[in-house]
C-alpha atoms as a PDB file:
ATOM      1  CA  MET A   1     -10.200  -7.297  -5.359  1.00  0.00           C
ATOM      2  CA  ASN A   2     -11.353  -3.965  -4.267  1.00  0.00           C
ATOM      3  CA  LYS A   3     -10.056  -0.707  -5.226  1.00  0.00           C
ATOM      4  CA  GLU A   4      -8.134  -0.287  -1.791  1.00  0.00           C
ATOM      5  CA  GLN A   5      -5.977  -3.241  -2.787  1.00  0.00           C
ATOM      6  CA  LEU A   6      -4.842  -1.694  -6.011  1.00  0.00           C
ATOM      7  CA  PHE A   7      -1.539   0.338  -6.459  1.00  0.00           C
ATOM      8  CA  GLU A   8      -3.019   2.945  -8.666  1.00  0.00           C
ATOM      9  CA  PHE A   9      -5.847   3.656  -6.330  1.00  0.00           C
ATOM     10  CA  HIS A  10      -3.239   4.655  -3.564  1.00  0.00           C
ATOM     11  CA  ILE A  11      -0.515   6.487  -5.933  1.00  0.00           C
ATOM     12  CA  ARG A  12      -3.445   8.446  -7.521  1.00  0.00           C
ATOM     13  CA  ASN A  13      -5.408   9.150  -4.388  1.00  0.00           C
ATOM     14  CA  ASN A  14      -2.301  10.472  -2.483  1.00  0.00           C
ATOM     15  CA  TRP A  15      -0.749  12.213  -5.535  1.00  0.00           C
ATOM     16  CA  PHE A  16      -4.170  13.906  -5.921  1.00  0.00           C
ATOM     17  CA  LYS A  17      -3.838  15.360  -2.042  1.00  0.00           C
ATOM     18  CA  ILE A  18      -0.226  16.322  -2.304  1.00  0.00           C
ATOM     19  CA  SER A  19      -1.297  18.321  -5.695  1.00  0.00           C
ATOM     20  CA  ARG A  20      -4.074  19.728  -3.648  1.00  0.00           C
ATOM     21  CA  TYR A  21      -1.813  20.643  -0.835  1.00  0.00           C
ATOM     22  CA  TYR A  22       0.713  22.540  -3.099  1.00  0.00           C
ATOM     23  CA  ASN A  23      -1.762  24.290  -4.994  1.00  0.00           C
ATOM     24  CA  GLN A  24      -3.113  25.501  -1.628  1.00  0.00           C
ATOM     25  CA  VAL A  25       0.425  26.576  -0.233  1.00  0.00           C
ATOM     26  CA  ALA A  26       1.285  27.930  -4.020  1.00  0.00           C
ATOM     27  CA  ALA A  27      -1.635  30.067  -3.900  1.00  0.00           C
ATOM     28  CA  GLN A  28      -0.229  31.856  -0.821  1.00  0.00           C
ATOM     29  CA  TYR A  29       2.744  33.011  -3.208  1.00  0.00           C
ATOM     30  CA  ASP A  30       0.181  33.904  -6.106  1.00  0.00           C
ATOM     31  CA  MET A  31       1.559  30.790  -7.983  1.00  0.00           C
ATOM     32  CA  THR A  32       0.300  27.278  -8.843  1.00  0.00           C
ATOM     33  CA  PHE A  33       1.784  23.937  -8.294  1.00  0.00           C
ATOM     34  CA  SER A  34       2.336  23.675 -11.878  1.00  0.00           C
ATOM     35  CA  TRP A  35       4.259  26.979 -11.686  1.00  0.00           C
ATOM     36  CA  GLY A  36       6.248  25.847  -8.932  1.00  0.00           C
ATOM     37  CA  PHE A  37       7.325  22.704 -10.620  1.00  0.00           C
ATOM     38  CA  ILE A  38       8.333  24.298 -13.957  1.00  0.00           C
ATOM     39  CA  LEU A  39      10.083  26.943 -11.914  1.00  0.00           C
ATOM     40  CA  LEU A  40      12.066  24.006 -10.102  1.00  0.00           C
ATOM     41  CA  ASN A  41      13.117  22.241 -13.419  1.00  0.00           C
ATOM     42  CA  ILE A  42      14.534  25.249 -15.205  1.00  0.00           C
ATOM     43  CA  SER A  43      18.170  25.501 -15.373  1.00  0.00           C
ATOM     44  CA  LYS A  44      20.256  28.378 -14.821  1.00  0.00           C
ATOM     45  CA  GLU A  45      21.735  27.624 -18.551  1.00  0.00           C
ATOM     46  CA  GLY A  46      18.166  27.770 -19.894  1.00  0.00           C
ATOM     47  CA  THR A  47      15.979  24.560 -20.387  1.00  0.00           C
ATOM     48  CA  PRO A  48      14.259  23.736 -23.680  1.00  0.00           C
ATOM     49  CA  SER A  49      10.727  24.188 -23.347  1.00  0.00           C
ATOM     50  CA  THR A  50       9.890  20.648 -24.825  1.00  0.00           C
ATOM     51  CA  ALA A  51      12.066  18.957 -22.241  1.00  0.00           C
ATOM     52  CA  LEU A  52       9.725  20.309 -19.559  1.00  0.00           C
ATOM     53  CA  GLY A  53       6.547  18.530 -20.703  1.00  0.00           C
ATOM     54  CA  PRO A  54       8.386  14.980 -19.883  1.00  0.00           C
ATOM     55  CA  LYS A  55       9.425  16.157 -16.565  1.00  0.00           C
ATOM     56  CA  MET A  56       5.895  17.578 -15.589  1.00  0.00           C
ATOM     57  CA  GLY A  57       3.718  15.071 -17.105  1.00  0.00           C
ATOM     58  CA  MET A  58       1.960  17.836 -19.097  1.00  0.00           C
ATOM     59  CA  GLU A  59       0.340  17.709 -22.518  1.00  0.00           C
ATOM     60  CA  PRO A  60       2.370  20.024 -24.777  1.00  0.00           C
ATOM     61  CA  THR A  61      -0.958  22.296 -25.260  1.00  0.00           C
ATOM     62  CA  SER A  62      -1.366  22.563 -21.341  1.00  0.00           C
ATOM     63  CA  LEU A  63       2.205  23.157 -20.899  1.00  0.00           C
ATOM     64  CA  SER A  64       2.383  25.842 -23.504  1.00  0.00           C
ATOM     65  CA  ARG A  65      -0.382  27.817 -22.201  1.00  0.00           C
ATOM     66  CA  THR A  66       1.320  27.486 -18.651  1.00  0.00           C
ATOM     67  CA  ILE A  67       4.697  28.819 -19.977  1.00  0.00           C
ATOM     68  CA  LYS A  68       2.722  31.510 -21.516  1.00  0.00           C
ATOM     69  CA  ASN A  69       0.838  32.642 -18.353  1.00  0.00           C
ATOM     70  CA  MET A  70       4.327  32.361 -16.447  1.00  0.00           C
ATOM     71  CA  GLU A  71       5.754  34.470 -19.237  1.00  0.00           C
ATOM     72  CA  GLU A  72       3.017  37.284 -19.075  1.00  0.00           C
ATOM     73  CA  SER A  73       3.593  37.168 -15.018  1.00  0.00           C
ATOM     74  CA  GLY A  74       7.227  37.838 -15.493  1.00  0.00           C
ATOM     75  CA  LEU A  75       8.463  34.647 -14.126  1.00  0.00           C
ATOM     76  CA  ILE A  76      10.232  33.387 -17.183  1.00  0.00           C
ATOM     77  CA  TYR A  77      11.416  34.123 -20.702  1.00  0.00           C
ATOM     78  CA  ARG A  78      11.985  32.455 -23.688  1.00  0.00           C
ATOM     79  CA  ALA A  79      15.133  32.913 -26.026  1.00  0.00           C
ATOM     80  CA  SER A  80      16.508  31.227 -29.062  1.00  0.00           C
ATOM     81  CA  ASP A  81      19.286  28.858 -28.437  1.00  0.00           C
ATOM     82  CA  SER A  82      22.712  30.590 -29.300  1.00  0.00           C
ATOM     83  CA  ILE A  83      23.901  27.335 -31.103  1.00  0.00           C
ATOM     84  CA  ASP A  84      20.625  25.948 -32.524  1.00  0.00           C
ATOM     85  CA  LYS A  85      18.480  28.977 -33.346  1.00  0.00           C
ATOM     86  CA  ARG A  86      15.377  26.671 -33.830  1.00  0.00           C
ATOM     87  CA  LYS A  87      15.336  25.624 -30.253  1.00  0.00           C
ATOM     88  CA  SER A  88      13.710  27.758 -27.833  1.00  0.00           C
ATOM     89  CA  LEU A  89      15.134  27.729 -24.159  1.00  0.00           C
ATOM     90  CA  VAL A  90      13.266  28.924 -21.070  1.00  0.00           C
ATOM     91  CA  PHE A  91      15.116  31.062 -18.526  1.00  0.00           C
ATOM     92  CA  LEU A  92      14.070  32.412 -15.307  1.00  0.00           C
ATOM     93  CA  THR A  93      13.702  36.126 -14.729  1.00  0.00           C
ATOM     94  CA  LYS A  94      14.804  37.930 -11.337  1.00  0.00           C
ATOM     95  CA  GLU A  95      11.241  37.464 -10.030  1.00  0.00           C
ATOM     96  CA  GLY A  96      11.257  33.882 -11.276  1.00  0.00           C
ATOM     97  CA  VAL A  97      14.472  33.109  -9.110  1.00  0.00           C
ATOM     98  CA  VAL A  98      12.603  34.276  -6.227  1.00  0.00           C
ATOM     99  CA  LYS A  99       9.469  32.272  -6.643  1.00  0.00           C
ATOM    100  CA  ARG A 100      11.838  29.106  -7.428  1.00  0.00           C
ATOM    101  CA  LYS A 101      13.348  29.724  -4.101  1.00  0.00           C
ATOM    102  CA  GLU A 102       9.881  29.876  -2.485  1.00  0.00           C
ATOM    103  CA  ALA A 103       8.813  26.685  -4.492  1.00  0.00           C
ATOM    104  CA  ARG A 104      11.830  24.951  -3.322  1.00  0.00           C
ATOM    105  CA  ASP A 105      11.404  25.711   0.214  1.00  0.00           C
ATOM    106  CA  VAL A 106       7.842  24.564   0.165  1.00  0.00           C
ATOM    107  CA  VAL A 107       8.958  21.190  -1.363  1.00  0.00           C
ATOM    108  CA  LEU A 108      11.568  20.653   1.258  1.00  0.00           C
ATOM    109  CA  ASN A 109       9.292  21.607   3.863  1.00  0.00           C
ATOM    110  CA  PHE A 110       6.783  19.024   2.783  1.00  0.00           C
ATOM    111  CA  ASN A 111       9.457  16.465   2.554  1.00  0.00           C
ATOM    112  CA  GLU A 112      10.795  17.390   6.158  1.00  0.00           C
ATOM    113  CA  LYS A 113       7.189  16.743   7.583  1.00  0.00           C
ATOM    114  CA  VAL A 114       7.072  13.324   5.787  1.00  0.00           C
ATOM    115  CA  TYR A 115      10.576  12.290   7.030  1.00  0.00           C
ATOM    116  CA  GLU A 116       9.375  13.370  10.718  1.00  0.00           C
ATOM    117  CA  ASN A 117       6.150  11.255  10.538  1.00  0.00           C
ATOM    118  CA  LEU A 118       7.439   8.216   9.050  1.00  0.00           C
ATOM    119  CA  PRO A 119      10.170   5.710  10.365  1.00  0.00           C
ATOM    120  CA  LYS A 120      13.320   5.412   8.358  1.00  0.00           C
ATOM    121  CA  THR A 121      12.682   1.756   7.833  1.00  0.00           C
ATOM    122  CA  LYS A 122       9.279   2.492   6.015  1.00  0.00           C
ATOM    123  CA  ILE A 123      10.627   5.336   4.061  1.00  0.00           C
ATOM    124  CA  LYS A 124      13.499   3.196   2.601  1.00  0.00           C
ATOM    125  CA  ALA A 125      11.076   0.595   1.832  1.00  0.00           C
ATOM    126  CA  PHE A 126       8.999   3.140   0.114  1.00  0.00           C
ATOM    127  CA  PHE A 127      11.607   4.204  -2.221  1.00  0.00           C
ATOM    128  CA  GLU A 128      12.790   0.675  -2.581  1.00  0.00           C
ATOM    129  CA  VAL A 129       9.080   0.114  -3.951  1.00  0.00           C
ATOM    130  CA  MET A 130       8.836   2.797  -6.244  1.00  0.00           C
ATOM    131  CA  GLU A 131      12.242   2.075  -7.870  1.00  0.00           C
ATOM    132  CA  LYS A 132      10.976  -1.360  -8.661  1.00  0.00           C
ATOM    133  CA  LEU A 133       7.556  -0.212  -9.857  1.00  0.00           C
ATOM    134  CA  ASP A 134       9.402   2.266 -11.774  1.00  0.00           C
ATOM    135  CA  GLN A 135      11.804  -0.275 -13.474  1.00  0.00           C
ATOM    136  CA  LEU A 136       8.490  -2.489 -14.115  1.00  0.00           C
ATOM    137  CA  LEU A 137       6.565   0.095 -15.756  1.00  0.00           C
ATOM    138  CA  ILE A 138       9.658   0.888 -17.976  1.00  0.00           C
ATOM    139  CA  ASP A 139       9.429  -2.892 -18.878  1.00  0.00           C
ATOM    140  CA  LEU A 140       5.595  -3.055 -19.392  1.00  0.00           C
ATOM    141  CA  LEU A 141       5.883   0.052 -21.614  1.00  0.00           C
ATOM    142  CA  GLU A 142       8.743  -1.592 -23.642  1.00  0.00           C
ATOM    143  CA  ASP A 143       6.597  -5.186 -23.780  1.00  0.00           C
ATOM    144  CA  ASN A 144       3.562  -3.069 -24.926  1.00  0.00           C
ATOM    145  CA  ARG A 145       5.367  -1.900 -28.271  1.00  0.00           C
ATOM    146  CA  VAL A 146       5.379  -3.762 -31.410  1.00  0.00           C
ATOM    147  CA  VAL A 147       7.791  -3.319 -34.236  1.00  0.00           C
ATOM    148  CA  ASP A 148       5.718  -2.701 -37.731  1.00  0.00           C
ATOM    149  CA  LYS A 149       6.771  -3.780 -41.143  1.00  0.00           C
ATOM    150  CA  ASN A 150       9.142  -0.746 -41.586  1.00  0.00           C
ATOM    151  CA  GLY A 151      10.787  -1.584 -38.032  1.00  0.00           C
ATOM    152  CA  GLU A 152       9.270   1.223 -36.351  1.00  0.00           C
ATOM    153  CA  LYS A 153       7.926   0.843 -32.754  1.00  0.00           C
ATOM    154  CA  GLN A 154       3.942   1.018 -32.574  1.00  0.00           C
ATOM    155  CA  THR A 155       1.901   0.870 -29.518  1.00  0.00           C
ATOM    156  CA  LYS A 156       0.060  -2.505 -29.321  1.00  0.00           C
ATOM    157  CA  LEU A 157      -3.741  -2.166 -29.210  1.00  0.00           C
ATOM    158  CA  THR A 158      -5.293  -3.964 -26.328  1.00  0.00           C
ATOM    159  CA  THR A 159      -8.447  -4.297 -24.467  1.00  0.00           C
ATOM    160  CA  THR A 160      -8.793  -3.667 -20.568  1.00  0.00           C
ATOM    161  CA  LYS A 161     -10.994  -5.136 -18.487  1.00  0.00           C
ATOM    162  CA  THR A 162     -13.087  -2.621 -16.120  1.00  0.00           C
ATOM    163  CA  ILE A 163     -12.244  -3.122 -12.224  1.00  0.00           C
END
């Protein structure tokens, strides 16, 4: 099997291009792709900083550094939760709201171009495949966990074959 026949080759290759595209456009707004994505994932009521990592697929140290840079740039601020003071919530500043709208417009514009350039049947099939792939990955991740003697889930150690 060559690399062009592998799902992850196409997913990663296209995700890299999408990321490059968004970074090029974001630079015109003095932002990065990561900043725009974070801005789009912060709710009006505030979002726990710990909830952003899983949404972003970012490691905690990288996310922490990005949030700090965004805070220094005046796009966001952090405040303690009014109920649970241990929880830190991230909020948009007025400038953050402006940048969020710009990020939203860029994302909608990109998606509009994709919809204009692909037949509806192909788009429907794409989303169906991605939903099935998502469920398969959930199942595979769950299957790859074992229960230790204390009843805790642990990741199996497996060997992989290089392709």
